[in-house]
Amino acid sequence: MKTDELFHEFFQIAPHAVFELLQIKPGCPYRFSSPVVKASQRQMDGLLEPTEPGHPRYFLEVQGYLDESIYWRVIHQVGLYFEQRPELNGSPWQAIILYLDKSYDPGPETLGLLHHGQMPWLIRGVLPGLLAQSPKTSPILNALRPLASQNETEVRQEAANWAASIRQLDNVDTAAQARLLDILIQFVLQRFTRLSRKEIETMLRLTPIEETVAGQEWIQEGFQKGVQEGFQKALRENIVEVLATRFEVLPVKTLQTIERLEDLTILKILFKQAVKVDSVAAFERIINEYSELGPRPSQN
């Protein structure tokens, strides 16, 4: 799953997390959406709308790469939004840009003459820094904590507490808790690719990762890629990619064995095993068993 999709889902579950990050005390509850600005056909990262009149709208942009035109793009989207809703003329608003890294911020001076003095319409911050400054007692923000962690040691020490606090949330339902846990897993996987499945399960004290939404998405994405590019070749590539991501070094003999396999049923089984096994050695035992079998009828 892409990072921007994770943030979209996170803020959809917990729109108040934006205010917790920025230490803003809203005057009323807010609802989160991602409207499409018709003239540009571009979907906003997020819009926080007040549930009561007279309170500001917040336009949210989460930026994970350097874009020299980010400030112009945000102004353009806000302008189009209000142009299409003239009944909102005069309404208060602010734009929020959250950068995943300080180096992704080209600076508001890129606005030229629009950049001078105070800019009350703009709130900007670097997400890892905001998380580091935010209260550790905020359970909802714990799903994002891996983004602020600088090393694996901190993740190993704190991950179980992050997961436990999410399980204890009393203002979201069970399904939302489960999805927040999966978002936490996704951020750990993205940030620390050297951690194995077993390590993540142990740290977070979770059910086996292949039984979580994150694990199922990994398996499903591999199968979908297989449909698009040709099952056998794509599944072989995906098996190698998953193993390399989880364990880094793969024996040449194992790579050669994978390359020789053509049976679709066996390849599907091995792909699921690549997500589940605890070590390369365990996978080698499985692949040796299946590579000795003859061809099987293909199953889609």
Protein backbone atom coordinates (compact mmCIF):
# COMPACT_ATOMS: atom_id res chain seq x y z
CA MET A 1 0.00 0.00 0.00
CA LYS A 2 1.29 3.47 -0.84
CA THR A 3 2.23 5.84 1.96
CA ASP A 4 -0.30 8.52 0.96
CA GLU A 5 -3.07 5.90 1.07
CA LEU A 6 -2.00 4.93 4.59
CA PHE A 7 -2.23 8.54 5.75
CA HIS A 8 -5.59 8.96 4.05
CA GLU A 9 -6.97 5.95 5.89
CA PHE A 10 -5.36 6.96 9.18
CA PHE A 11 -6.83 10.47 9.18
CA GLN A 12 -10.17 9.13 8.00
CA ILE A 13 -10.29 6.93 11.11
CA ALA A 14 -8.89 9.64 13.39
CA PRO A 15 -9.35 13.17 11.99
CA HIS A 16 -8.63 14.67 15.42
CA ALA A 17 -5.07 13.30 15.15
CA VAL A 18 -4.21 16.28 12.92
CA PHE A 19 -5.06 18.62 15.77
CA GLU A 20 -3.17 16.51 18.30
CA LEU A 21 -0.06 16.64 16.09
CA LEU A 22 -0.22 20.42 15.75
CA GLN A 23 -1.47 21.01 19.30
CA ILE A 24 -4.56 22.83 18.02
CA LYS A 25 -7.70 22.86 20.14
CA PRO A 26 -10.61 22.84 17.66
CA GLY A 27 -13.82 24.57 18.62
CA CYS A 28 -15.99 21.68 17.44
CA PRO A 29 -15.74 18.13 16.04
CA TYR A 30 -14.44 17.76 12.47
CA ARG A 31 -15.10 15.27 9.68
CA PHE A 32 -12.41 14.20 7.21
CA SER A 33 -12.79 13.80 3.43
CA SER A 34 -10.69 13.87 0.26
CA PRO A 35 -12.72 15.87 -2.27
CA VAL A 36 -11.76 16.00 -5.95
CA VAL A 37 -11.26 19.54 -7.25
CA LYS A 38 -13.17 19.36 -10.53
CA ALA A 39 -11.09 21.78 -12.62
CA SER A 40 -7.86 19.88 -11.88
CA GLN A 41 -9.37 16.42 -11.32
CA ARG A 42 -6.83 16.03 -8.51
CA GLN A 43 -7.90 14.58 -5.20
CA MET A 44 -6.86 16.48 -2.09
CA ASP A 45 -4.93 14.56 0.54
CA GLY A 46 -7.51 15.69 3.06
CA LEU A 47 -10.05 18.28 4.07
CA LEU A 48 -11.17 18.75 7.66
CA GLU A 49 -14.60 20.35 7.75
CA PRO A 50 -16.22 21.65 10.95
CA THR A 51 -19.49 20.13 12.03
CA GLU A 52 -20.62 23.55 13.27
CA PRO A 53 -20.69 26.86 11.35
CA GLY A 54 -18.16 29.63 11.93
CA HIS A 55 -15.10 27.40 12.42
CA PRO A 56 -12.19 27.19 9.95
CA ARG A 57 -11.71 24.55 7.28
CA TYR A 58 -8.30 22.86 7.22
CA PHE A 59 -6.78 21.73 3.91
CA LEU A 60 -4.27 18.93 4.56
CA GLU A 61 -1.34 17.92 2.35
CA VAL A 62 1.11 15.16 3.38
CA GLN A 63 4.30 15.46 1.32
CA GLY A 64 6.70 12.54 0.92
CA TYR A 65 9.01 13.93 -1.79
CA LEU A 66 10.50 17.24 -2.94
CA ASP A 67 8.10 19.29 -5.04
CA GLU A 68 9.29 22.83 -5.80
CA SER A 69 5.70 23.85 -6.55
CA ILE A 70 4.02 22.40 -3.47
CA TYR A 71 2.97 25.77 -2.03
CA TRP A 72 1.53 26.96 -5.35
CA ARG A 73 -0.28 23.64 -5.74
CA VAL A 74 -1.89 23.96 -2.31
CA ILE A 75 -2.97 27.54 -3.00
CA HIS A 76 -4.35 26.44 -6.37
CA GLN A 77 -6.43 23.65 -4.79
CA VAL A 78 -7.78 25.91 -2.05
CA GLY A 79 -8.67 28.55 -4.64
CA LEU A 80 -10.51 26.06 -6.84
CA TYR A 81 -12.36 24.66 -3.83
CA PHE A 82 -13.75 28.07 -2.84
CA GLU A 83 -14.33 29.10 -6.47
CA GLN A 84 -16.71 26.15 -6.81
CA ARG A 85 -18.46 26.99 -3.52
CA PRO A 86 -19.18 30.75 -3.58
CA GLU A 87 -21.56 30.33 -0.64
CA LEU A 88 -18.44 29.84 1.50
CA ASN A 89 -16.88 33.21 0.58
CA GLY A 90 -15.47 34.85 3.69
CA SER A 91 -15.17 31.55 5.60
CA PRO A 92 -12.00 31.07 7.68
CA TRP A 93 -9.49 28.47 6.48
CA GLN A 94 -5.93 27.28 6.89
CA ALA A 95 -3.66 25.04 4.83
CA ILE A 96 -1.58 22.37 6.57
CA ILE A 97 1.48 20.83 4.90
CA LEU A 98 3.10 17.92 6.75
CA TYR A 99 6.50 16.86 5.36
CA LEU A 100 7.82 13.35 6.00
CA ASP A 101 11.33 14.81 5.91
CA LYS A 102 12.68 18.34 6.29
CA SER A 103 14.52 18.07 2.95
CA TYR A 104 11.17 17.82 1.13
CA ASP A 105 10.25 21.42 2.03
CA PRO A 106 11.28 23.88 -0.73
CA GLY A 107 10.30 26.78 1.54
CA PRO A 108 7.39 29.22 1.30
CA GLU A 109 9.72 31.76 -0.31
CA THR A 110 8.98 29.88 -3.55
CA LEU A 111 5.75 31.93 -3.49
CA GLY A 112 7.75 35.06 -4.35
CA LEU A 113 5.78 38.23 -3.55
CA LEU A 114 3.15 36.24 -1.64
CA HIS A 115 5.82 35.30 0.90
CA HIS A 116 6.37 38.08 3.41
CA GLY A 117 5.81 38.62 7.10
CA GLN A 118 3.30 36.43 8.89
CA MET A 119 1.38 33.85 6.89
CA PRO A 120 -1.63 32.97 9.09
CA TRP A 121 -3.17 30.86 6.33
CA LEU A 122 -0.30 28.35 6.40
CA ILE A 123 0.70 25.70 8.93
CA ARG A 124 3.69 23.55 8.04
CA GLY A 125 5.69 20.99 9.95
CA VAL A 126 7.94 17.94 9.64
CA LEU A 127 5.99 14.88 10.70
CA PRO A 128 8.78 13.02 12.56
CA GLY A 129 9.55 16.18 14.56
CA LEU A 130 5.89 16.77 15.37
CA LEU A 131 5.53 13.17 16.54
CA ALA A 132 8.64 13.49 18.73
CA GLN A 133 7.15 16.60 20.37
CA SER A 134 3.62 15.21 20.74
CA PRO A 135 2.48 13.74 24.07
CA LYS A 136 3.50 10.11 24.48
CA THR A 137 0.10 9.58 26.09
CA SER A 138 -1.71 10.02 22.75
CA PRO A 139 -2.69 6.45 21.70
CA ILE A 140 -4.08 7.48 18.31
CA LEU A 141 -0.72 8.93 17.23
CA ASN A 142 1.09 5.73 18.17
CA ALA A 143 0.16 4.22 14.79
CA LEU A 144 2.51 6.83 13.27
CA ARG A 145 5.35 6.52 15.81
CA PRO A 146 7.61 4.39 13.56
CA LEU A 147 7.99 7.48 11.34
CA ALA A 148 9.67 9.36 14.20
CA SER A 149 11.93 6.51 15.33
CA GLN A 150 15.56 6.87 14.37
CA ASN A 151 16.67 3.29 15.01
CA GLU A 152 15.40 -0.24 15.39
CA THR A 153 16.22 -0.31 19.10
CA GLU A 154 13.54 2.24 19.91
CA VAL A 155 11.01 0.36 17.81
CA ARG A 156 11.82 -2.90 19.56
CA GLN A 157 11.44 -1.24 22.97
CA GLU A 158 8.26 0.71 22.29
CA ALA A 159 6.31 -1.16 19.59
CA ALA A 160 4.42 -3.42 21.99
CA ASN A 161 3.31 -0.39 24.02
CA TRP A 162 2.15 1.39 20.83
CA ALA A 163 0.10 -1.63 19.80
CA ALA A 164 -1.35 -2.12 23.30
CA SER A 165 -2.46 1.51 23.52
CA ILE A 166 -4.27 1.19 20.17
CA ARG A 167 -6.06 -1.94 21.41
CA GLN A 168 -7.25 0.02 24.44
CA LEU A 169 -8.76 2.91 22.48
CA ASP A 170 -12.33 3.38 23.64
CA ASN A 171 -13.43 6.00 21.10
CA VAL A 172 -13.07 3.77 18.02
CA ASP A 173 -14.74 0.46 17.21
CA THR A 174 -13.02 -2.92 16.95
CA ALA A 175 -12.69 -2.74 13.16
CA ALA A 176 -11.01 0.67 13.37
CA GLN A 177 -8.62 -0.62 16.04
CA ALA A 178 -7.67 -3.54 13.79
CA ARG A 179 -7.04 -1.22 10.85
CA LEU A 180 -4.92 1.14 12.98
CA LEU A 181 -2.82 -1.87 14.02
CA ASP A 182 -2.36 -2.76 10.37
CA ILE A 183 -1.31 0.82 9.60
CA LEU A 184 1.26 0.52 12.40
CA ILE A 185 2.56 -2.71 10.82
CA GLN A 186 2.79 -1.06 7.41
CA PHE A 187 4.85 1.83 8.74
CA VAL A 188 7.18 -0.55 10.59
CA LEU A 189 7.62 -2.61 7.40
CA GLN A 190 8.32 0.52 5.34
CA ARG A 191 10.73 2.06 7.82
CA PHE A 192 12.68 -1.02 8.88
CA THR A 193 12.85 -3.48 6.01
CA ARG A 194 15.45 -5.65 7.76
CA LEU A 195 13.00 -6.74 10.44
CA SER A 196 11.55 -10.18 9.82
CA ARG A 197 7.90 -11.14 10.15
CA LYS A 198 8.62 -13.00 13.39
CA GLU A 199 10.38 -9.99 14.88
CA ILE A 200 7.46 -7.70 14.07
CA GLU A 201 4.94 -10.18 15.46
CA THR A 202 6.98 -10.55 18.66
CA MET A 203 7.46 -6.81 19.07
CA LEU A 204 3.82 -5.94 18.56
CA ARG A 205 2.48 -9.14 20.17
CA LEU A 206 0.19 -9.66 17.20
CA THR A 207 -1.39 -12.59 15.42
CA PRO A 208 0.74 -14.01 12.58
CA ILE A 209 1.25 -11.25 10.02
CA GLU A 210 -0.18 -13.31 7.16
CA GLU A 211 -3.50 -13.26 9.06
CA THR A 212 -3.53 -9.45 9.28
CA VAL A 213 -4.80 -7.10 6.59
CA ALA A 214 -1.23 -6.01 5.86
CA GLY A 215 -0.08 -9.58 5.23
CA GLN A 216 -3.13 -10.40 3.12
CA GLU A 217 -2.58 -7.28 1.02
CA TRP A 218 1.01 -8.32 0.41
CA ILE A 219 -0.16 -11.73 -0.83
CA GLN A 220 -3.03 -10.28 -2.90
CA GLU A 221 -0.83 -7.65 -4.54
CA GLY A 222 1.56 -10.38 -5.61
CA PHE A 223 -1.26 -12.40 -7.20
CA GLN A 224 -2.65 -9.30 -8.96
CA LYS A 225 0.75 -8.52 -10.38
CA GLY A 226 0.88 -12.11 -11.60
CA VAL A 227 -2.38 -11.68 -13.52
CA GLN A 228 -1.06 -8.56 -15.22
CA GLU A 229 2.42 -9.75 -16.15
CA GLY A 230 2.15 -13.50 -16.55
CA PHE A 231 1.76 -15.72 -13.53
CA GLN A 232 4.86 -17.88 -13.56
CA LYS A 233 7.43 -15.17 -14.23
CA ALA A 234 5.77 -12.62 -11.93
CA LEU A 235 5.35 -15.06 -9.05
CA ARG A 236 9.00 -16.12 -9.29
CA GLU A 237 10.02 -12.44 -9.17
CA ASN A 238 7.66 -11.74 -6.26
CA ILE A 239 8.95 -14.69 -4.25
CA VAL A 240 12.50 -13.40 -4.61
CA GLU A 241 11.42 -9.82 -3.83
CA VAL A 242 9.60 -10.81 -0.63
CA LEU A 243 12.47 -12.99 0.59
CA ALA A 244 15.07 -10.34 -0.24
CA THR A 245 13.04 -7.68 1.59
CA ARG A 246 12.67 -9.83 4.69
CA PHE A 247 16.04 -11.64 4.83
CA GLU A 248 18.33 -9.64 2.46
CA VAL A 249 20.78 -12.40 1.44
CA LEU A 250 19.53 -15.39 -0.56
CA PRO A 251 21.72 -18.36 -1.52
CA VAL A 252 22.44 -18.66 -5.24
CA LYS A 253 21.20 -22.25 -5.19
CA THR A 254 17.81 -21.11 -3.85
CA LEU A 255 17.54 -18.44 -6.54
CA GLN A 256 18.36 -21.00 -9.22
CA THR A 257 15.76 -23.42 -7.88
CA ILE A 258 13.08 -20.71 -7.92
CA GLU A 259 14.02 -19.77 -11.48
CA ARG A 260 13.49 -23.36 -12.68
CA LEU A 261 10.00 -23.71 -11.21
CA GLU A 262 7.11 -23.40 -13.66
CA ASP A 263 4.22 -25.15 -11.92
CA LEU A 264 1.71 -22.41 -11.08
CA THR A 265 0.18 -24.21 -8.09
CA ILE A 266 3.58 -24.75 -6.49
CA LEU A 267 4.60 -21.15 -7.16
CA LYS A 268 1.44 -19.86 -5.45
CA ILE A 269 2.16 -22.05 -2.42
CA LEU A 270 5.76 -20.88 -2.28
CA PHE A 271 4.74 -17.22 -2.52
CA LYS A 272 2.51 -17.59 0.55
CA GLN A 273 5.32 -19.44 2.33
CA ALA A 274 7.75 -16.62 1.49
CA VAL A 275 5.52 -14.25 3.48
CA LYS A 276 5.13 -16.69 6.40
CA VAL A 277 8.48 -18.43 7.00
CA ASP A 278 10.78 -17.35 9.82
CA SER A 279 14.09 -17.85 7.99
CA VAL A 280 15.72 -18.54 4.63
CA ALA A 281 16.63 -22.02 5.89
CA ALA A 282 12.96 -22.81 6.53
CA PHE A 283 12.04 -21.65 3.04
CA GLU A 284 14.84 -23.75 1.54
CA ARG A 285 13.42 -26.86 3.18
CA ILE A 286 10.00 -26.10 1.72
CA ILE A 287 11.24 -25.29 -1.77
CA ASN A 288 13.41 -28.42 -1.84
CA GLU A 289 10.35 -30.49 -1.04
CA TYR A 290 8.22 -28.90 -3.77
CA SER A 291 10.94 -28.71 -6.41
CA GLU A 292 11.17 -32.50 -6.33
CA LEU A 293 7.47 -32.87 -7.21
CA GLY A 294 6.28 -33.26 -10.77
CA PRO A 295 3.98 -30.78 -12.56
CA ARG A 296 0.50 -30.26 -11.11
CA PRO A 297 -2.73 -29.10 -12.71
CA SER A 298 -2.82 -25.29 -12.79
CA GLN A 299 -5.27 -23.57 -10.42
CA ASN A 300 -6.29 -19.93 -10.85
